[in-house]
Amino acid sequence: MSTRLGPWRPFSRVGAIATLVALGLFFALVLGSERGFVPVLDSANLAFHEAGHQLYGVLGDGPGLYGGTLGQLTFPIVVVVVFFVRRQPLSLVAGGVWLGQNLLNIARYMADARAQELPLVGGGEHDWWHIFTRWDALAADTRVARFTAGLGWVIMLGCVAWLLWRWRADEQAGRMAEPGQL
């Protein structure tokens, strides 16, 4: 079995521009929302979070507690890995931005550990209160949340920067797709 990955698939100028415009609109939505909460996307992220409790919970109570956040990260990471292996840059960037935005949502939940003001599904217990308490780090909830949100922004903006670099490199090498292809 070969572990060597092939070249990146070419994409068109139109595909790159459409992706960048969509990401610009998405970033405007994130920046205009309450602490990065995007209702449609974060409702899906919540479903992955809750599924993660069940999925990782089969390994025990500890993994079940962390499973919400792990589940929330597992799905976008799988998307990133799949499109990395398939060498599809536009889809990889979309998955990477989803991963970064997920970190904004996780940071929002982390920052609420002491205050516990966010509504929880079914009025359940606050995962990050339990996690920070286990780590004896409850007083650091907002600092850890700021770092996590910052990491999310680094990932999202890094994806955009990589796409711009990839586009420029492909154009200089004459590897762009024909019009009508993404």
C-alpha atoms as a PDB file:
ATOM      1  CA  MET A   1       0.000   0.000   0.000  1.00  0.00           C
ATOM      2  CA  SER A   2       1.416   3.362  -1.020  1.00  0.00           C
ATOM      3  CA  THR A   3       1.287   6.217   1.468  1.00  0.00           C
ATOM      4  CA  ARG A   4       2.267   8.859  -1.068  1.00  0.00           C
ATOM      5  CA  LEU A   5      -0.479  11.340  -1.786  1.00  0.00           C
ATOM      6  CA  GLY A   6      -0.987  12.629  -5.285  1.00  0.00           C
ATOM      7  CA  PRO A   7      -1.044  16.261  -6.342  1.00  0.00           C
ATOM      8  CA  TRP A   8      -3.806  18.592  -5.281  1.00  0.00           C
ATOM      9  CA  ARG A   9      -6.784  18.584  -7.614  1.00  0.00           C
ATOM     10  CA  PRO A  10      -7.030  21.741  -9.643  1.00  0.00           C
ATOM     11  CA  PHE A  11      -9.858  24.178  -9.029  1.00  0.00           C
ATOM     12  CA  SER A  12     -11.118  27.011 -11.168  1.00  0.00           C
ATOM     13  CA  ARG A  13     -10.788  30.723 -10.560  1.00  0.00           C
ATOM     14  CA  VAL A  14     -14.600  30.848 -10.315  1.00  0.00           C
ATOM     15  CA  GLY A  15     -14.545  28.072  -7.687  1.00  0.00           C
ATOM     16  CA  ALA A  16     -11.903  29.919  -5.672  1.00  0.00           C
ATOM     17  CA  ILE A  17     -13.757  33.226  -5.854  1.00  0.00           C
ATOM     18  CA  ALA A  18     -17.081  31.596  -4.950  1.00  0.00           C
ATOM     19  CA  THR A  19     -15.453  29.860  -1.975  1.00  0.00           C
ATOM     20  CA  LEU A  20     -13.816  33.070  -0.771  1.00  0.00           C
ATOM     21  CA  VAL A  21     -17.063  35.043  -1.128  1.00  0.00           C
ATOM     22  CA  ALA A  22     -18.965  32.352   0.788  1.00  0.00           C
ATOM     23  CA  LEU A  23     -16.292  32.368   3.500  1.00  0.00           C
ATOM     24  CA  GLY A  24     -16.417  36.169   3.668  1.00  0.00           C
ATOM     25  CA  LEU A  25     -20.184  36.039   4.192  1.00  0.00           C
ATOM     26  CA  PHE A  26     -19.737  33.276   6.756  1.00  0.00           C
ATOM     27  CA  PHE A  27     -17.130  35.293   8.673  1.00  0.00           C
ATOM     28  CA  ALA A  28     -19.467  38.314   8.626  1.00  0.00           C
ATOM     29  CA  LEU A  29     -22.194  36.097  10.090  1.00  0.00           C
ATOM     30  CA  VAL A  30     -19.832  34.775  12.777  1.00  0.00           C
ATOM     31  CA  LEU A  31     -18.570  38.260  13.667  1.00  0.00           C
ATOM     32  CA  GLY A  32     -22.107  39.656  13.750  1.00  0.00           C
ATOM     33  CA  SER A  33     -23.435  36.916  15.988  1.00  0.00           C
ATOM     34  CA  GLU A  34     -23.342  36.560  19.742  1.00  0.00           C
ATOM     35  CA  ARG A  35     -19.843  35.222  20.516  1.00  0.00           C
ATOM     36  CA  GLY A  36     -19.545  33.353  17.232  1.00  0.00           C
ATOM     37  CA  PHE A  37     -22.822  31.429  17.534  1.00  0.00           C
ATOM     38  CA  VAL A  38     -24.220  30.528  14.103  1.00  0.00           C
ATOM     39  CA  PRO A  39     -27.682  29.024  14.698  1.00  0.00           C
ATOM     40  CA  VAL A  40     -27.947  26.583  11.772  1.00  0.00           C
ATOM     41  CA  LEU A  41     -24.369  25.337  11.954  1.00  0.00           C
ATOM     42  CA  ASP A  42     -24.212  25.253  15.732  1.00  0.00           C
ATOM     43  CA  SER A  43     -27.463  23.303  15.907  1.00  0.00           C
ATOM     44  CA  ALA A  44     -25.737  20.624  13.809  1.00  0.00           C
ATOM     45  CA  ASN A  45     -22.641  20.926  16.003  1.00  0.00           C
ATOM     46  CA  LEU A  46     -24.860  20.408  19.051  1.00  0.00           C
ATOM     47  CA  ALA A  47     -26.196  17.183  17.534  1.00  0.00           C
ATOM     48  CA  PHE A  48     -22.603  15.972  17.038  1.00  0.00           C
ATOM     49  CA  HIS A  49     -21.811  17.064  20.601  1.00  0.00           C
ATOM     50  CA  GLU A  50     -24.672  15.041  22.054  1.00  0.00           C
ATOM     51  CA  ALA A  51     -23.856  12.051  19.832  1.00  0.00           C
ATOM     52  CA  GLY A  52     -20.277  12.244  21.067  1.00  0.00           C
ATOM     53  CA  HIS A  53     -21.415  11.691  24.654  1.00  0.00           C
ATOM     54  CA  GLN A  54     -23.071   8.454  23.557  1.00  0.00           C
ATOM     55  CA  LEU A  55     -20.319   7.367  21.177  1.00  0.00           C
ATOM     56  CA  TYR A  56     -17.380   7.948  23.515  1.00  0.00           C
ATOM     57  CA  GLY A  57     -19.476   7.037  26.568  1.00  0.00           C
ATOM     58  CA  VAL A  58     -19.221   3.354  25.658  1.00  0.00           C
ATOM     59  CA  LEU A  59     -15.592   3.663  26.810  1.00  0.00           C
ATOM     60  CA  GLY A  60     -16.600   4.804  30.305  1.00  0.00           C
ATOM     61  CA  ASP A  61     -17.755   7.832  32.278  1.00  0.00           C
ATOM     62  CA  GLY A  62     -14.604   9.894  31.689  1.00  0.00           C
ATOM     63  CA  PRO A  63     -14.635   9.497  27.909  1.00  0.00           C
ATOM     64  CA  GLY A  64     -18.404  10.080  28.013  1.00  0.00           C
ATOM     65  CA  LEU A  65     -17.885  13.430  29.746  1.00  0.00           C
ATOM     66  CA  TYR A  66     -15.243  14.539  27.232  1.00  0.00           C
ATOM     67  CA  GLY A  67     -17.208  12.861  24.438  1.00  0.00           C
ATOM     68  CA  GLY A  68     -19.435  15.851  23.785  1.00  0.00           C
ATOM     69  CA  THR A  69     -16.530  18.057  22.822  1.00  0.00           C
ATOM     70  CA  LEU A  70     -14.717  15.154  21.156  1.00  0.00           C
ATOM     71  CA  GLY A  71     -17.823  14.346  19.117  1.00  0.00           C
ATOM     72  CA  GLN A  72     -18.155  17.957  18.115  1.00  0.00           C
ATOM     73  CA  LEU A  73     -14.549  17.918  16.840  1.00  0.00           C
ATOM     74  CA  THR A  74     -14.532  14.398  15.391  1.00  0.00           C
ATOM     75  CA  PHE A  75     -16.859  15.118  12.496  1.00  0.00           C
ATOM     76  CA  PRO A  76     -15.088  18.194  11.066  1.00  0.00           C
ATOM     77  CA  ILE A  77     -11.704  16.505  11.584  1.00  0.00           C
ATOM     78  CA  VAL A  78     -12.933  13.501   9.581  1.00  0.00           C
ATOM     79  CA  VAL A  79     -14.085  15.890   6.835  1.00  0.00           C
ATOM     80  CA  VAL A  80     -10.670  17.601   6.801  1.00  0.00           C
ATOM     81  CA  VAL A  81      -8.824  14.281   6.650  1.00  0.00           C
ATOM     82  CA  VAL A  82     -11.039  12.891   3.880  1.00  0.00           C
ATOM     83  CA  PHE A  83     -10.602  15.961   1.676  1.00  0.00           C
ATOM     84  CA  PHE A  84      -6.882  16.112   2.454  1.00  0.00           C
ATOM     85  CA  VAL A  85      -6.481  12.507   1.291  1.00  0.00           C
ATOM     86  CA  ARG A  86      -8.668  13.188  -1.763  1.00  0.00           C
ATOM     87  CA  ARG A  87      -6.559  16.310  -2.410  1.00  0.00           C
ATOM     88  CA  GLN A  88      -9.605  18.575  -2.819  1.00  0.00           C
ATOM     89  CA  PRO A  89      -8.520  22.035  -1.650  1.00  0.00           C
ATOM     90  CA  LEU A  90     -11.848  23.891  -1.687  1.00  0.00           C
ATOM     91  CA  SER A  91     -13.591  21.183   0.325  1.00  0.00           C
ATOM     92  CA  LEU A  92     -10.609  20.886   2.669  1.00  0.00           C
ATOM     93  CA  VAL A  93     -10.809  24.622   3.394  1.00  0.00           C
ATOM     94  CA  ALA A  94     -14.556  24.415   4.064  1.00  0.00           C
ATOM     95  CA  GLY A  95     -13.954  21.553   6.508  1.00  0.00           C
ATOM     96  CA  GLY A  96     -11.122  23.454   8.181  1.00  0.00           C
ATOM     97  CA  VAL A  97     -13.287  26.524   8.629  1.00  0.00           C
ATOM     98  CA  TRP A  98     -16.007  24.314  10.115  1.00  0.00           C
ATOM     99  CA  LEU A  99     -13.441  22.909  12.551  1.00  0.00           C
ATOM    100  CA  GLY A 100     -12.295  26.409  13.530  1.00  0.00           C
ATOM    101  CA  GLN A 101     -15.842  27.658  13.986  1.00  0.00           C
ATOM    102  CA  ASN A 102     -16.557  24.631  16.148  1.00  0.00           C
ATOM    103  CA  LEU A 103     -13.764  25.781  18.452  1.00  0.00           C
ATOM    104  CA  LEU A 104     -15.552  29.138  18.798  1.00  0.00           C
ATOM    105  CA  ASN A 105     -18.650  27.272  19.914  1.00  0.00           C
ATOM    106  CA  ILE A 106     -16.652  25.113  22.338  1.00  0.00           C
ATOM    107  CA  ALA A 107     -14.970  28.242  23.714  1.00  0.00           C
ATOM    108  CA  ARG A 108     -18.382  29.779  24.330  1.00  0.00           C
ATOM    109  CA  TYR A 109     -19.343  26.694  26.352  1.00  0.00           C
ATOM    110  CA  MET A 110     -16.011  26.726  28.239  1.00  0.00           C
ATOM    111  CA  ALA A 111     -16.386  30.392  29.168  1.00  0.00           C
ATOM    112  CA  ASP A 112     -19.772  29.591  30.705  1.00  0.00           C
ATOM    113  CA  ALA A 113     -18.417  26.958  33.115  1.00  0.00           C
ATOM    114  CA  ARG A 114     -18.664  29.107  36.249  1.00  0.00           C
ATOM    115  CA  ALA A 115     -21.621  31.273  35.234  1.00  0.00           C
ATOM    116  CA  GLN A 116     -23.682  28.398  33.790  1.00  0.00           C
ATOM    117  CA  GLU A 117     -25.998  30.772  31.966  1.00  0.00           C
ATOM    118  CA  LEU A 118     -26.206  28.942  28.634  1.00  0.00           C
ATOM    119  CA  PRO A 119     -29.296  26.826  28.127  1.00  0.00           C
ATOM    120  CA  LEU A 120     -28.328  23.143  28.111  1.00  0.00           C
ATOM    121  CA  VAL A 121     -30.064  20.342  26.266  1.00  0.00           C
ATOM    122  CA  GLY A 122     -32.650  18.850  28.596  1.00  0.00           C
ATOM    123  CA  GLY A 123     -31.392  21.073  31.423  1.00  0.00           C
ATOM    124  CA  GLY A 124     -28.470  18.671  31.827  1.00  0.00           C
ATOM    125  CA  GLU A 125     -25.197  19.158  33.632  1.00  0.00           C
ATOM    126  CA  HIS A 126     -22.511  21.492  32.377  1.00  0.00           C
ATOM    127  CA  ASP A 127     -19.684  19.416  30.830  1.00  0.00           C
ATOM    128  CA  TRP A 128     -17.058  22.101  31.113  1.00  0.00           C
ATOM    129  CA  TRP A 129     -17.879  22.825  34.767  1.00  0.00           C
ATOM    130  CA  HIS A 130     -17.158  19.149  35.465  1.00  0.00           C
ATOM    131  CA  ILE A 131     -14.046  19.087  33.271  1.00  0.00           C
ATOM    132  CA  PHE A 132     -12.513  22.248  34.730  1.00  0.00           C
ATOM    133  CA  THR A 133     -13.392  21.063  38.242  1.00  0.00           C
ATOM    134  CA  ARG A 134     -11.614  17.742  37.584  1.00  0.00           C
ATOM    135  CA  TRP A 135      -8.577  19.677  36.380  1.00  0.00           C
ATOM    136  CA  ASP A 136      -8.799  22.074  39.372  1.00  0.00           C
ATOM    137  CA  ALA A 137      -8.938  24.836  36.769  1.00  0.00           C
ATOM    138  CA  LEU A 138     -12.440  26.253  37.086  1.00  0.00           C
ATOM    139  CA  ALA A 139     -11.085  29.755  37.690  1.00  0.00           C
ATOM    140  CA  ALA A 140      -9.300  29.551  34.318  1.00  0.00           C
ATOM    141  CA  ASP A 141     -12.467  28.873  32.305  1.00  0.00           C
ATOM    142  CA  THR A 142     -12.509  32.223  30.499  1.00  0.00           C
ATOM    143  CA  ARG A 143      -8.745  32.219  29.840  1.00  0.00           C
ATOM    144  CA  VAL A 144      -8.887  28.732  28.341  1.00  0.00           C
ATOM    145  CA  ALA A 145     -11.956  29.790  26.365  1.00  0.00           C
ATOM    146  CA  ARG A 146     -10.119  32.830  24.925  1.00  0.00           C
ATOM    147  CA  PHE A 147      -7.217  30.608  23.882  1.00  0.00           C
ATOM    148  CA  THR A 148      -9.619  28.100  22.301  1.00  0.00           C
ATOM    149  CA  ALA A 149     -11.465  30.837  20.407  1.00  0.00           C
ATOM    150  CA  GLY A 150      -8.149  32.284  19.260  1.00  0.00           C
ATOM    151  CA  LEU A 151      -7.096  28.864  18.004  1.00  0.00           C
ATOM    152  CA  GLY A 152     -10.390  28.631  16.126  1.00  0.00           C
ATOM    153  CA  TRP A 153      -9.708  31.956  14.394  1.00  0.00           C
ATOM    154  CA  VAL A 154      -6.123  30.930  13.580  1.00  0.00           C
ATOM    155  CA  ILE A 155      -7.420  27.737  11.951  1.00  0.00           C
ATOM    156  CA  MET A 156     -10.133  29.536   9.979  1.00  0.00           C
ATOM    157  CA  LEU A 157      -7.914  32.368   8.774  1.00  0.00           C
ATOM    158  CA  GLY A 158      -5.080  29.910   8.138  1.00  0.00           C
ATOM    159  CA  CYS A 159      -7.387  27.946   5.842  1.00  0.00           C
ATOM    160  CA  VAL A 160      -8.175  31.100   3.876  1.00  0.00           C
ATOM    161  CA  ALA A 161      -4.506  32.035   3.670  1.00  0.00           C
ATOM    162  CA  TRP A 162      -3.611  28.531   2.496  1.00  0.00           C
ATOM    163  CA  LEU A 163      -6.326  28.650  -0.169  1.00  0.00           C
ATOM    164  CA  LEU A 164      -5.013  31.990  -1.447  1.00  0.00           C
ATOM    165  CA  TRP A 165      -1.474  30.598  -1.501  1.00  0.00           C
ATOM    166  CA  ARG A 166      -2.631  27.398  -3.244  1.00  0.00           C
ATOM    167  CA  TRP A 167      -4.558  29.453  -5.834  1.00  0.00           C
ATOM    168  CA  ARG A 168      -1.554  31.659  -6.572  1.00  0.00           C
ATOM    169  CA  ALA A 169       0.827  28.693  -6.795  1.00  0.00           C
ATOM    170  CA  ASP A 170      -1.538  26.815  -9.118  1.00  0.00           C
ATOM    171  CA  GLU A 171      -2.043  29.849 -11.347  1.00  0.00           C
ATOM    172  CA  GLN A 172       1.717  30.412 -11.606  1.00  0.00           C
ATOM    173  CA  ALA A 173       2.235  26.744 -12.479  1.00  0.00           C
ATOM    174  CA  GLY A 174      -0.666  26.759 -14.965  1.00  0.00           C
ATOM    175  CA  ARG A 175      -2.569  24.079 -13.008  1.00  0.00           C
ATOM    176  CA  MET A 176      -5.966  25.781 -12.717  1.00  0.00           C
ATOM    177  CA  ALA A 177      -9.081  23.835 -13.713  1.00  0.00           C
ATOM    178  CA  GLU A 178     -11.022  24.752 -16.806  1.00  0.00           C
ATOM    179  CA  PRO A 179     -13.957  27.156 -16.404  1.00  0.00           C
ATOM    180  CA  GLY A 180     -17.061  25.290 -15.247  1.00  0.00           C
ATOM    181  CA  GLN A 181     -15.082  22.968 -12.984  1.00  0.00           C
ATOM    182  CA  LEU A 182     -14.620  23.617  -9.297  1.00  0.00           C
END
